[in-house]
Amino acid sequence: MRALLAQYPQLPITVTCMTPTGSERIKALFANEPRIQHCYLPYDLPWAAGRFLDHVHPQLGIIMETELWPNHIHQCAKRAIPVVLANARLSERSARGYARFARLTQPML
């Protein structure tokens, strides 16, 4: 995060999470950095993901966890927002789970 702040001093950074614990951690880590804002990521529903992206207007999405959100990724693609998976771990069990929904998940894998 600090490298992104240094490399792109003109851009704000929005950090999302899904839990109150994650929210508290973000606030603790970046309490003195006004360019970092926190918000909760909405559930992975097409309309919610689209509305979120229309509100935040990101130029880039960086996924730091192994959970992949196909509707968020699809909505980013529809808006020509690049997405980077920075923590690329996928267990065989998770891969089998994603394979069950191949039509939805194949484009993001």
PDB file of N, CA and C in Angstrom:
ATOM      1  N   MET A   1       0.819  -1.179   0.000  1.00  0.00           N
ATOM      2  CA  MET A   1       0.000   0.000   0.000  1.00  0.00           C
ATOM      3  C   MET A   1       0.873   1.258   0.000  1.00  0.00           C
ATOM      4  N   ARG A   2       1.899   1.208   0.812  1.00  0.00           N
ATOM      5  CA  ARG A   2       2.761   2.392   0.888  1.00  0.00           C
ATOM      6  C   ARG A   2       3.465   2.635  -0.456  1.00  0.00           C
ATOM      7  N   ALA A   3       3.826   1.564  -1.151  1.00  0.00           N
ATOM      8  CA  ALA A   3       4.445   1.715  -2.472  1.00  0.00           C
ATOM      9  C   ALA A   3       3.456   2.325  -3.461  1.00  0.00           C
ATOM     10  N   LEU A   4       2.202   1.918  -3.403  1.00  0.00           N
ATOM     11  CA  LEU A   4       1.183   2.507  -4.279  1.00  0.00           C
ATOM     12  C   LEU A   4       0.988   3.986  -3.968  1.00  0.00           C
ATOM     13  N   LEU A   5       0.948   4.315  -2.693  1.00  0.00           N
ATOM     14  CA  LEU A   5       0.813   5.720  -2.299  1.00  0.00           C
ATOM     15  C   LEU A   5       1.977   6.551  -2.829  1.00  0.00           C
ATOM     16  N   ALA A   6       3.179   6.009  -2.748  1.00  0.00           N
ATOM     17  CA  ALA A   6       4.361   6.731  -3.214  1.00  0.00           C
ATOM     18  C   ALA A   6       4.388   6.854  -4.733  1.00  0.00           C
ATOM     19  N   GLN A   7       4.013   5.790  -5.422  1.00  0.00           N
ATOM     20  CA  GLN A   7       4.088   5.796  -6.886  1.00  0.00           C
ATOM     21  C   GLN A   7       2.965   6.606  -7.528  1.00  0.00           C
ATOM     22  N   TYR A   8       1.825   6.685  -6.862  1.00  0.00           N
ATOM     23  CA  TYR A   8       0.672   7.399  -7.418  1.00  0.00           C
ATOM     24  C   TYR A   8       0.188   8.443  -6.416  1.00  0.00           C
ATOM     25  N   PRO A   9       0.962   9.498  -6.198  1.00  0.00           N
ATOM     26  CA  PRO A   9       0.615  10.472  -5.157  1.00  0.00           C
ATOM     27  C   PRO A   9      -0.674  11.244  -5.423  1.00  0.00           C
ATOM     28  N   GLN A  10      -1.152  11.239  -6.650  1.00  0.00           N
ATOM     29  CA  GLN A  10      -2.357  11.982  -6.988  1.00  0.00           C
ATOM     30  C   GLN A  10      -3.634  11.163  -6.802  1.00  0.00           C
ATOM     31  N   LEU A  11      -3.509   9.859  -6.562  1.00  0.00           N
ATOM     32  CA  LEU A  11      -4.688   8.997  -6.513  1.00  0.00           C
ATOM     33  C   LEU A  11      -5.064   8.595  -5.091  1.00  0.00           C
ATOM     34  N   PRO A  12      -6.371   8.598  -4.809  1.00  0.00           N
ATOM     35  CA  PRO A  12      -6.826   8.017  -3.542  1.00  0.00           C
ATOM     36  C   PRO A  12      -6.861   6.499  -3.665  1.00  0.00           C
ATOM     37  N   ILE A  13      -6.845   5.815  -2.545  1.00  0.00           N
ATOM     38  CA  ILE A  13      -6.915   4.353  -2.532  1.00  0.00           C
ATOM     39  C   ILE A  13      -8.085   3.947  -1.652  1.00  0.00           C
ATOM     40  N   THR A  14      -8.951   3.113  -2.195  1.00  0.00           N
ATOM     41  CA  THR A  14     -10.076   2.572  -1.436  1.00  0.00           C
ATOM     42  C   THR A  14      -9.748   1.135  -1.079  1.00  0.00           C
ATOM     43  N   VAL A  15      -9.795   0.821   0.198  1.00  0.00           N
ATOM     44  CA  VAL A  15      -9.530  -0.528   0.689  1.00  0.00           C
ATOM     45  C   VAL A  15     -10.853  -1.098   1.179  1.00  0.00           C
ATOM     46  N   THR A  16     -11.179  -2.292   0.699  1.00  0.00           N
ATOM     47  CA  THR A  16     -12.442  -2.913   1.096  1.00  0.00           C
ATOM     48  C   THR A  16     -12.187  -4.159   1.927  1.00  0.00           C
ATOM     49  N   CYS A  17     -13.204  -4.530   2.658  1.00  0.00           N
ATOM     50  CA  CYS A  17     -13.187  -5.786   3.393  1.00  0.00           C
ATOM     51  C   CYS A  17     -14.641  -6.190   3.620  1.00  0.00           C
ATOM     52  N   MET A  18     -14.825  -7.331   4.251  1.00  0.00           N
ATOM     53  CA  MET A  18     -16.180  -7.844   4.469  1.00  0.00           C
ATOM     54  C   MET A  18     -16.542  -7.950   5.951  1.00  0.00           C
ATOM     55  N   THR A  19     -15.594  -7.695   6.845  1.00  0.00           N
ATOM     56  CA  THR A  19     -15.840  -7.941   8.265  1.00  0.00           C
ATOM     57  C   THR A  19     -15.471  -6.730   9.118  1.00  0.00           C
ATOM     58  N   PRO A  20     -16.093  -6.600  10.277  1.00  0.00           N
ATOM     59  CA  PRO A  20     -15.700  -5.533  11.202  1.00  0.00           C
ATOM     60  C   PRO A  20     -14.241  -5.656  11.649  1.00  0.00           C
ATOM     61  N   THR A  21     -13.751  -6.877  11.799  1.00  0.00           N
ATOM     62  CA  THR A  21     -12.355  -7.076  12.181  1.00  0.00           C
ATOM     63  C   THR A  21     -11.424  -6.517  11.110  1.00  0.00           C
ATOM     64  N   GLY A  22     -11.723  -6.801   9.851  1.00  0.00           N
ATOM     65  CA  GLY A  22     -10.934  -6.254   8.750  1.00  0.00           C
ATOM     66  C   GLY A  22     -10.987  -4.737   8.723  1.00  0.00           C
ATOM     67  N   SER A  23     -12.157  -4.188   8.983  1.00  0.00           N
ATOM     68  CA  SER A  23     -12.323  -2.742   9.013  1.00  0.00           C
ATOM     69  C   SER A  23     -11.458  -2.101  10.091  1.00  0.00           C
ATOM     70  N   GLU A  24     -11.472  -2.680  11.271  1.00  0.00           N
ATOM     71  CA  GLU A  24     -10.660  -2.149  12.365  1.00  0.00           C
ATOM     72  C   GLU A  24      -9.171  -2.228  12.036  1.00  0.00           C
ATOM     73  N   ARG A  25      -8.765  -3.295  11.398  1.00  0.00           N
ATOM     74  CA  ARG A  25      -7.351  -3.464  11.020  1.00  0.00           C
ATOM     75  C   ARG A  25      -6.930  -2.394  10.013  1.00  0.00           C
ATOM     76  N   ILE A  26      -7.771  -2.158   9.028  1.00  0.00           N
ATOM     77  CA  ILE A  26      -7.473  -1.135   8.019  1.00  0.00           C
ATOM     78  C   ILE A  26      -7.351   0.231   8.687  1.00  0.00           C
ATOM     79  N   LYS A  27      -8.300   0.545   9.555  1.00  0.00           N
ATOM     80  CA  LYS A  27      -8.270   1.841  10.243  1.00  0.00           C
ATOM     81  C   LYS A  27      -7.020   1.980  11.106  1.00  0.00           C
ATOM     82  N   ALA A  28      -6.622   0.906  11.765  1.00  0.00           N
ATOM     83  CA  ALA A  28      -5.431   0.957  12.617  1.00  0.00           C
ATOM     84  C   ALA A  28      -4.158   1.142  11.791  1.00  0.00           C
ATOM     85  N   LEU A  29      -4.073   0.443  10.667  1.00  0.00           N
ATOM     86  CA  LEU A  29      -2.867   0.516   9.839  1.00  0.00           C
ATOM     87  C   LEU A  29      -2.709   1.855   9.132  1.00  0.00           C
ATOM     88  N   PHE A  30      -3.827   2.458   8.740  1.00  0.00           N
ATOM     89  CA  PHE A  30      -3.760   3.646   7.892  1.00  0.00           C
ATOM     90  C   PHE A  30      -4.457   4.858   8.507  1.00  0.00           C
ATOM     91  N   ALA A  31      -4.458   4.936   9.821  1.00  0.00           N
ATOM     92  CA  ALA A  31      -5.134   6.037  10.517  1.00  0.00           C
ATOM     93  C   ALA A  31      -4.584   7.405  10.119  1.00  0.00           C
ATOM     94  N   ASN A  32      -3.309   7.475   9.803  1.00  0.00           N
ATOM     95  CA  ASN A  32      -2.679   8.762   9.484  1.00  0.00           C
ATOM     96  C   ASN A  32      -2.511   8.996   7.989  1.00  0.00           C
ATOM     97  N   GLU A  33      -3.210   8.232   7.175  1.00  0.00           N
ATOM     98  CA  GLU A  33      -3.089   8.379   5.720  1.00  0.00           C
ATOM     99  C   GLU A  33      -4.441   8.814   5.148  1.00  0.00           C
ATOM    100  N   PRO A  34      -4.608  10.113   4.894  1.00  0.00           N
ATOM    101  CA  PRO A  34      -5.910  10.609   4.431  1.00  0.00           C
ATOM    102  C   PRO A  34      -6.313  10.128   3.037  1.00  0.00           C
ATOM    103  N   ARG A  35      -5.352   9.664   2.232  1.00  0.00           N
ATOM    104  CA  ARG A  35      -5.713   9.206   0.881  1.00  0.00           C
ATOM    105  C   ARG A  35      -6.290   7.801   0.870  1.00  0.00           C
ATOM    106  N   ILE A  36      -6.204   7.092   1.984  1.00  0.00           N
ATOM    107  CA  ILE A  36      -6.772   5.746   2.046  1.00  0.00           C
ATOM    108  C   ILE A  36      -8.125   5.822   2.722  1.00  0.00           C
ATOM    109  N   GLN A  37      -9.124   5.369   1.990  1.00  0.00           N
ATOM    110  CA  GLN A  37     -10.467   5.290   2.561  1.00  0.00           C
ATOM    111  C   GLN A  37     -10.881   3.829   2.644  1.00  0.00           C
ATOM    112  N   HIS A  38     -11.727   3.532   3.577  1.00  0.00           N
ATOM    113  CA  HIS A  38     -12.218   2.166   3.760  1.00  0.00           C
ATOM    114  C   HIS A  38     -13.713   2.124   3.495  1.00  0.00           C
ATOM    115  N   CYS A  39     -14.158   1.045   2.883  1.00  0.00           N
ATOM    116  CA  CYS A  39     -15.583   0.763   2.796  1.00  0.00           C
ATOM    117  C   CYS A  39     -15.762  -0.746   2.708  1.00  0.00           C
ATOM    118  N   TYR A  40     -16.945  -1.187   3.065  1.00  0.00           N
ATOM    119  CA  TYR A  40     -17.247  -2.610   2.987  1.00  0.00           C
ATOM    120  C   TYR A  40     -17.565  -2.977   1.545  1.00  0.00           C
ATOM    121  N   LEU A  41     -17.049  -4.108   1.109  1.00  0.00           N
ATOM    122  CA  LEU A  41     -17.342  -4.621  -0.221  1.00  0.00           C
ATOM    123  C   LEU A  41     -18.727  -5.250  -0.195  1.00  0.00           C
ATOM    124  N   PRO A  42     -19.610  -4.880  -1.122  1.00  0.00           N
ATOM    125  CA  PRO A  42     -20.939  -5.497  -1.120  1.00  0.00           C
ATOM    126  C   PRO A  42     -20.869  -6.963  -1.545  1.00  0.00           C
ATOM    127  N   TYR A  43     -21.939  -7.675  -1.246  1.00  0.00           N
ATOM    128  CA  TYR A  43     -22.013  -9.070  -1.663  1.00  0.00           C
ATOM    129  C   TYR A  43     -21.837  -9.178  -3.164  1.00  0.00           C
ATOM    130  N   ASP A  44     -21.423 -10.339  -3.616  1.00  0.00           N
ATOM    131  CA  ASP A  44     -21.104 -10.565  -5.025  1.00  0.00           C
ATOM    132  C   ASP A  44     -22.368 -10.811  -5.844  1.00  0.00           C
ATOM    133  N   LEU A  45     -23.189  -9.799  -5.939  1.00  0.00           N
ATOM    134  CA  LEU A  45     -24.390  -9.821  -6.771  1.00  0.00           C
ATOM    135  C   LEU A  45     -24.169  -8.827  -7.902  1.00  0.00           C
ATOM    136  N   PRO A  46     -24.613  -9.159  -9.119  1.00  0.00           N
ATOM    137  CA  PRO A  46     -24.313  -8.274 -10.252  1.00  0.00           C
ATOM    138  C   PRO A  46     -24.717  -6.821 -10.019  1.00  0.00           C
ATOM    139  N   TRP A  47     -25.943  -6.595  -9.556  1.00  0.00           N
ATOM    140  CA  TRP A  47     -26.407  -5.217  -9.367  1.00  0.00           C
ATOM    141  C   TRP A  47     -25.629  -4.510  -8.257  1.00  0.00           C
ATOM    142  N   ALA A  48     -25.286  -5.225  -7.183  1.00  0.00           N
ATOM    143  CA  ALA A  48     -24.543  -4.618  -6.074  1.00  0.00           C
ATOM    144  C   ALA A  48     -23.114  -4.286  -6.494  1.00  0.00           C
ATOM    145  N   ALA A  49     -22.487  -5.202  -7.221  1.00  0.00           N
ATOM    146  CA  ALA A  49     -21.119  -4.966  -7.689  1.00  0.00           C
ATOM    147  C   ALA A  49     -21.082  -3.784  -8.653  1.00  0.00           C
ATOM    148  N   GLY A  50     -22.025  -3.743  -9.574  1.00  0.00           N
ATOM    149  CA  GLY A  50     -22.077  -2.643 -10.532  1.00  0.00           C
ATOM    150  C   GLY A  50     -22.304  -1.301  -9.860  1.00  0.00           C
ATOM    151  N   ARG A  51     -23.222  -1.277  -8.926  1.00  0.00           N
ATOM    152  CA  ARG A  51     -23.519  -0.032  -8.210  1.00  0.00           C
ATOM    153  C   ARG A  51     -22.300   0.446  -7.407  1.00  0.00           C
ATOM    154  N   PHE A  52     -21.626  -0.494  -6.765  1.00  0.00           N
ATOM    155  CA  PHE A  52     -20.420  -0.163  -6.001  1.00  0.00           C
ATOM    156  C   PHE A  52     -19.363   0.458  -6.914  1.00  0.00           C
ATOM    157  N   LEU A  53     -19.105  -0.167  -8.052  1.00  0.00           N
ATOM    158  CA  LEU A  53     -18.089   0.346  -8.975  1.00  0.00           C
ATOM    159  C   LEU A  53     -18.480   1.710  -9.532  1.00  0.00           C
ATOM    160  N   ASP A  54     -19.762   1.902  -9.801  1.00  0.00           N
ATOM    161  CA  ASP A  54     -20.217   3.201 -10.302  1.00  0.00           C
ATOM    162  C   ASP A  54     -20.051   4.292  -9.243  1.00  0.00           C
ATOM    163  N   HIS A  55     -20.115   3.913  -7.984  1.00  0.00           N
ATOM    164  CA  HIS A  55     -19.951   4.880  -6.897  1.00  0.00           C
ATOM    165  C   HIS A  55     -18.473   5.200  -6.638  1.00  0.00           C
ATOM    166  N   VAL A  56     -17.625   4.177  -6.639  1.00  0.00           N
ATOM    167  CA  VAL A  56     -16.210   4.354  -6.284  1.00  0.00           C
ATOM    168  C   VAL A  56     -15.362   4.814  -7.476  1.00  0.00           C
ATOM    169  N   HIS A  57     -15.708   4.417  -8.690  1.00  0.00           N
ATOM    170  CA  HIS A  57     -14.962   4.751  -9.915  1.00  0.00           C
ATOM    171  C   HIS A  57     -13.488   4.353  -9.843  1.00  0.00           C
ATOM    172  N   PRO A  58     -13.190   3.088  -9.578  1.00  0.00           N
ATOM    173  CA  PRO A  58     -11.776   2.692  -9.490  1.00  0.00           C
ATOM    174  C   PRO A  58     -11.100   2.685 -10.859  1.00  0.00           C
ATOM    175  N   GLN A  59      -9.814   2.909 -10.852  1.00  0.00           N
ATOM    176  CA  GLN A  59      -9.014   2.790 -12.066  1.00  0.00           C
ATOM    177  C   GLN A  59      -8.346   1.427 -12.153  1.00  0.00           C
ATOM    178  N   LEU A  60      -8.288   0.725 -11.020  1.00  0.00           N
ATOM    179  CA  LEU A  60      -7.658  -0.588 -10.938  1.00  0.00           C
ATOM    180  C   LEU A  60      -8.229  -1.313  -9.733  1.00  0.00           C
ATOM    181  N   GLY A  61      -8.442  -2.615  -9.870  1.00  0.00           N
ATOM    182  CA  GLY A  61      -8.833  -3.448  -8.740  1.00  0.00           C
ATOM    183  C   GLY A  61      -7.702  -4.405  -8.412  1.00  0.00           C
ATOM    184  N   ILE A  62      -7.333  -4.481  -7.143  1.00  0.00           N
ATOM    185  CA  ILE A  62      -6.287  -5.406  -6.699  1.00  0.00           C
ATOM    186  C   ILE A  62      -6.912  -6.334  -5.675  1.00  0.00           C
ATOM    187  N   ILE A  63      -6.922  -7.619  -5.968  1.00  0.00           N
ATOM    188  CA  ILE A  63      -7.481  -8.612  -5.054  1.00  0.00           C
ATOM    189  C   ILE A  63      -6.336  -9.179  -4.229  1.00  0.00           C
ATOM    190  N   MET A  64      -6.467  -9.074  -2.915  1.00  0.00           N
ATOM    191  CA  MET A  64      -5.399  -9.513  -2.021  1.00  0.00           C
ATOM    192  C   MET A  64      -5.725 -10.814  -1.297  1.00  0.00           C
ATOM    193  N   GLU A  65      -6.896 -11.308  -1.418  1.00  0.00           N
ATOM    194  CA  GLU A  65      -7.286 -12.552  -0.758  1.00  0.00           C
ATOM    195  C   GLU A  65      -7.542 -13.611  -1.816  1.00  0.00           C
ATOM    196  N   THR A  66      -7.669 -14.831  -1.362  1.00  0.00           N
ATOM    197  CA  THR A  66      -7.871 -15.915  -2.324  1.00  0.00           C
ATOM    198  C   THR A  66      -9.325 -16.066  -2.730  1.00  0.00           C
ATOM    199  N   GLU A  67     -10.228 -15.371  -2.069  1.00  0.00           N
ATOM    200  CA  GLU A  67     -11.621 -15.447  -2.486  1.00  0.00           C
ATOM    201  C   GLU A  67     -11.794 -14.613  -3.742  1.00  0.00           C
ATOM    202  N   LEU A  68     -12.341 -15.224  -4.754  1.00  0.00           N
ATOM    203  CA  LEU A  68     -12.581 -14.523  -6.008  1.00  0.00           C
ATOM    204  C   LEU A  68     -14.068 -14.217  -6.106  1.00  0.00           C
ATOM    205  N   TRP A  69     -14.376 -13.041  -6.550  1.00  0.00           N
ATOM    206  CA  TRP A  69     -15.756 -12.585  -6.643  1.00  0.00           C
ATOM    207  C   TRP A  69     -16.114 -12.424  -8.123  1.00  0.00           C
ATOM    208  N   PRO A  70     -16.713 -13.448  -8.729  1.00  0.00           N
ATOM    209  CA  PRO A  70     -16.935 -13.416 -10.181  1.00  0.00           C
ATOM    210  C   PRO A  70     -17.776 -12.247 -10.661  1.00  0.00           C
ATOM    211  N   ASN A  71     -18.807 -11.862  -9.926  1.00  0.00           N
ATOM    212  CA  ASN A  71     -19.630 -10.743 -10.383  1.00  0.00           C
ATOM    213  C   ASN A  71     -18.883  -9.418 -10.289  1.00  0.00           C
ATOM    214  N   HIS A  72     -18.097  -9.240  -9.253  1.00  0.00           N
ATOM    215  CA  HIS A  72     -17.287  -8.021  -9.157  1.00  0.00           C
ATOM    216  C   HIS A  72     -16.279  -7.974 -10.302  1.00  0.00           C
ATOM    217  N   ILE A  73     -15.637  -9.088 -10.573  1.00  0.00           N
ATOM    218  CA  ILE A  73     -14.654  -9.133 -11.658  1.00  0.00           C
ATOM    219  C   ILE A  73     -15.332  -8.904 -13.004  1.00  0.00           C
ATOM    220  N   HIS A  74     -16.494  -9.508 -13.208  1.00  0.00           N
ATOM    221  CA  HIS A  74     -17.235  -9.312 -14.463  1.00  0.00           C
ATOM    222  C   HIS A  74     -17.656  -7.849 -14.625  1.00  0.00           C
ATOM    223  N   GLN A  75     -18.135  -7.247 -13.550  1.00  0.00           N
ATOM    224  CA  GLN A  75     -18.545  -5.842 -13.627  1.00  0.00           C
ATOM    225  C   GLN A  75     -17.339  -4.932 -13.894  1.00  0.00           C
ATOM    226  N   CYS A  76     -16.187  -5.285 -13.360  1.00  0.00           N
ATOM    227  CA  CYS A  76     -14.959  -4.542 -13.692  1.00  0.00           C
ATOM    228  C   CYS A  76     -14.648  -4.675 -15.180  1.00  0.00           C
ATOM    229  N   ALA A  77     -14.750  -5.881 -15.706  1.00  0.00           N
ATOM    230  CA  ALA A  77     -14.475  -6.104 -17.131  1.00  0.00           C
ATOM    231  C   ALA A  77     -15.430  -5.293 -17.999  1.00  0.00           C
ATOM    232  N   LYS A  78     -16.705  -5.246 -17.627  1.00  0.00           N
ATOM    233  CA  LYS A  78     -17.687  -4.463 -18.388  1.00  0.00           C
ATOM    234  C   LYS A  78     -17.333  -2.985 -18.414  1.00  0.00           C
ATOM    235  N   ARG A  79     -16.642  -2.521 -17.389  1.00  0.00           N
ATOM    236  CA  ARG A  79     -16.286  -1.108 -17.287  1.00  0.00           C
ATOM    237  C   ARG A  79     -14.824  -0.853 -17.678  1.00  0.00           C
ATOM    238  N   ALA A  80     -14.159  -1.864 -18.223  1.00  0.00           N
ATOM    239  CA  ALA A  80     -12.747  -1.770 -18.636  1.00  0.00           C
ATOM    240  C   ALA A  80     -11.837  -1.383 -17.471  1.00  0.00           C
ATOM    241  N   ILE A  81     -12.144  -1.903 -16.278  1.00  0.00           N
ATOM    242  CA  ILE A  81     -11.311  -1.687 -15.097  1.00  0.00           C
ATOM    243  C   ILE A  81     -10.409  -2.910 -14.952  1.00  0.00           C
ATOM    244  N   PRO A  82      -9.103  -2.749 -15.065  1.00  0.00           N
ATOM    245  CA  PRO A  82      -8.216  -3.908 -14.911  1.00  0.00           C
ATOM    246  C   PRO A  82      -8.260  -4.442 -13.480  1.00  0.00           C
ATOM    247  N   VAL A  83      -8.114  -5.756 -13.354  1.00  0.00           N
ATOM    248  CA  VAL A  83      -8.102  -6.420 -12.054  1.00  0.00           C
ATOM    249  C   VAL A  83      -6.825  -7.247 -11.957  1.00  0.00           C
ATOM    250  N   VAL A  84      -6.142  -7.130 -10.820  1.00  0.00           N
ATOM    251  CA  VAL A  84      -4.902  -7.857 -10.568  1.00  0.00           C
ATOM    252  C   VAL A  84      -5.111  -8.740  -9.352  1.00  0.00           C
ATOM    253  N   LEU A  85      -4.707  -9.988  -9.456  1.00  0.00           N
ATOM    254  CA  LEU A  85      -4.719 -10.894  -8.312  1.00  0.00           C
ATOM    255  C   LEU A  85      -3.310 -10.901  -7.740  1.00  0.00           C
ATOM    256  N   ALA A  86      -3.123 -10.229  -6.607  1.00  0.00           N
ATOM    257  CA  ALA A  86      -1.786 -10.063  -6.043  1.00  0.00           C
ATOM    258  C   ALA A  86      -1.395 -11.179  -5.087  1.00  0.00           C
ATOM    259  N   ASN A  87      -2.337 -11.944  -4.632  1.00  0.00           N
ATOM    260  CA  ASN A  87      -2.058 -13.041  -3.701  1.00  0.00           C
ATOM    261  C   ASN A  87      -2.572 -14.316  -4.353  1.00  0.00           C
ATOM    262  N   ALA A  88      -1.848 -14.811  -5.335  1.00  0.00           N
ATOM    263  CA  ALA A  88      -2.329 -15.889  -6.197  1.00  0.00           C
ATOM    264  C   ALA A  88      -2.100 -17.265  -5.581  1.00  0.00           C
ATOM    265  N   ARG A  89      -3.015 -17.673  -4.725  1.00  0.00           N
ATOM    266  CA  ARG A  89      -3.001 -19.033  -4.176  1.00  0.00           C
ATOM    267  C   ARG A  89      -4.378 -19.623  -4.444  1.00  0.00           C
ATOM    268  N   LEU A  90      -4.405 -20.815  -4.934  1.00  0.00           N
ATOM    269  CA  LEU A  90      -5.676 -21.490  -5.172  1.00  0.00           C
ATOM    270  C   LEU A  90      -5.474 -22.965  -4.867  1.00  0.00           C
ATOM    271  N   SER A  91      -6.087 -23.407  -3.790  1.00  0.00           N
ATOM    272  CA  SER A  91      -5.935 -24.808  -3.410  1.00  0.00           C
ATOM    273  C   SER A  91      -6.689 -25.692  -4.394  1.00  0.00           C
ATOM    274  N   GLU A  92      -6.323 -26.945  -4.428  1.00  0.00           N
ATOM    275  CA  GLU A  92      -7.013 -27.883  -5.311  1.00  0.00           C
ATOM    276  C   GLU A  92      -8.489 -27.970  -4.943  1.00  0.00           C
ATOM    277  N   ARG A  93      -8.777 -27.941  -3.660  1.00  0.00           N
ATOM    278  CA  ARG A  93     -10.172 -27.989  -3.207  1.00  0.00           C
ATOM    279  C   ARG A  93     -10.954 -26.777  -3.725  1.00  0.00           C
ATOM    280  N   SER A  94     -10.368 -25.588  -3.606  1.00  0.00           N
ATOM    281  CA  SER A  94     -11.031 -24.388  -4.117  1.00  0.00           C
ATOM    282  C   SER A  94     -11.191 -24.454  -5.628  1.00  0.00           C
ATOM    283  N   ALA A  95     -10.181 -24.953  -6.321  1.00  0.00           N
ATOM    284  CA  ALA A  95     -10.262 -25.084  -7.777  1.00  0.00           C
ATOM    285  C   ALA A  95     -11.420 -25.992  -8.170  1.00  0.00           C
ATOM    286  N   ARG A  96     -11.598 -27.091  -7.445  1.00  0.00           N
ATOM    287  CA  ARG A  96     -12.737 -27.982  -7.729  1.00  0.00           C
ATOM    288  C   ARG A  96     -14.061 -27.259  -7.484  1.00  0.00           C
ATOM    289  N   GLY A  97     -14.106 -26.469  -6.426  1.00  0.00           N
ATOM    290  CA  GLY A  97     -15.320 -25.711  -6.135  1.00  0.00           C
ATOM    291  C   GLY A  97     -15.643 -24.718  -7.232  1.00  0.00           C
ATOM    292  N   TYR A  98     -14.621 -23.992  -7.699  1.00  0.00           N
ATOM    293  CA  TYR A  98     -14.843 -23.051  -8.789  1.00  0.00           C
ATOM    294  C   TYR A  98     -15.226 -23.781 -10.068  1.00  0.00           C
ATOM    295  N   ALA A  99     -14.692 -24.970 -10.287  1.00  0.00           N
ATOM    296  CA  ALA A  99     -15.001 -25.745 -11.492  1.00  0.00           C
ATOM    297  C   ALA A  99     -16.476 -26.125 -11.549  1.00  0.00           C
ATOM    298  N   ARG A 100     -17.104 -26.250 -10.398  1.00  0.00           N
ATOM    299  CA  ARG A 100     -18.539 -26.585 -10.376  1.00  0.00           C
ATOM    300  C   ARG A 100     -19.375 -25.483 -11.016  1.00  0.00           C
ATOM    301  N   PHE A 101     -18.849 -24.284 -11.027  1.00  0.00           N
ATOM    302  CA  PHE A 101     -19.553 -23.141 -11.610  1.00  0.00           C
ATOM    303  C   PHE A 101     -18.730 -22.566 -12.760  1.00  0.00           C
ATOM    304  N   ALA A 102     -18.243 -23.458 -13.604  1.00  0.00           N
ATOM    305  CA  ALA A 102     -17.277 -23.089 -14.644  1.00  0.00           C
ATOM    306  C   ALA A 102     -17.769 -21.960 -15.544  1.00  0.00           C
ATOM    307  N   ARG A 103     -19.040 -21.963 -15.875  1.00  0.00           N
ATOM    308  CA  ARG A 103     -19.544 -20.926 -16.782  1.00  0.00           C
ATOM    309  C   ARG A 103     -19.352 -19.532 -16.180  1.00  0.00           C
ATOM    310  N   LEU A 104     -19.506 -19.437 -14.886  1.00  0.00           N
ATOM    311  CA  LEU A 104     -19.354 -18.160 -14.207  1.00  0.00           C
ATOM    312  C   LEU A 104     -17.898 -17.848 -13.872  1.00  0.00           C
ATOM    313  N   THR A 105     -17.143 -18.861 -13.481  1.00  0.00           N
ATOM    314  CA  THR A 105     -15.794 -18.619 -12.964  1.00  0.00           C
ATOM    315  C   THR A 105     -14.676 -18.737 -13.995  1.00  0.00           C
ATOM    316  N   GLN A 106     -14.887 -19.439 -15.081  1.00  0.00           N
ATOM    317  CA  GLN A 106     -13.817 -19.661 -16.064  1.00  0.00           C
ATOM    318  C   GLN A 106     -13.197 -18.366 -16.586  1.00  0.00           C
ATOM    319  N   PRO A 107     -13.994 -17.344 -16.923  1.00  0.00           N
ATOM    320  CA  PRO A 107     -13.367 -16.115 -17.435  1.00  0.00           C
ATOM    321  C   PRO A 107     -12.423 -15.440 -16.448  1.00  0.00           C
ATOM    322  N   MET A 108     -12.637 -15.618 -15.150  1.00  0.00           N
ATOM    323  CA  MET A 108     -11.772 -14.940 -14.184  1.00  0.00           C
ATOM    324  C   MET A 108     -10.564 -15.772 -13.811  1.00  0.00           C
ATOM    325  N   LEU A 109     -10.571 -17.068 -14.126  1.00  0.00           N
ATOM    326  CA  LEU A 109      -9.438 -17.919 -13.802  1.00  0.00           C
ATOM    327  C   LEU A 109      -8.470 -17.952 -14.961  1.00  0.00           C
TER     328      LEU A 109
END
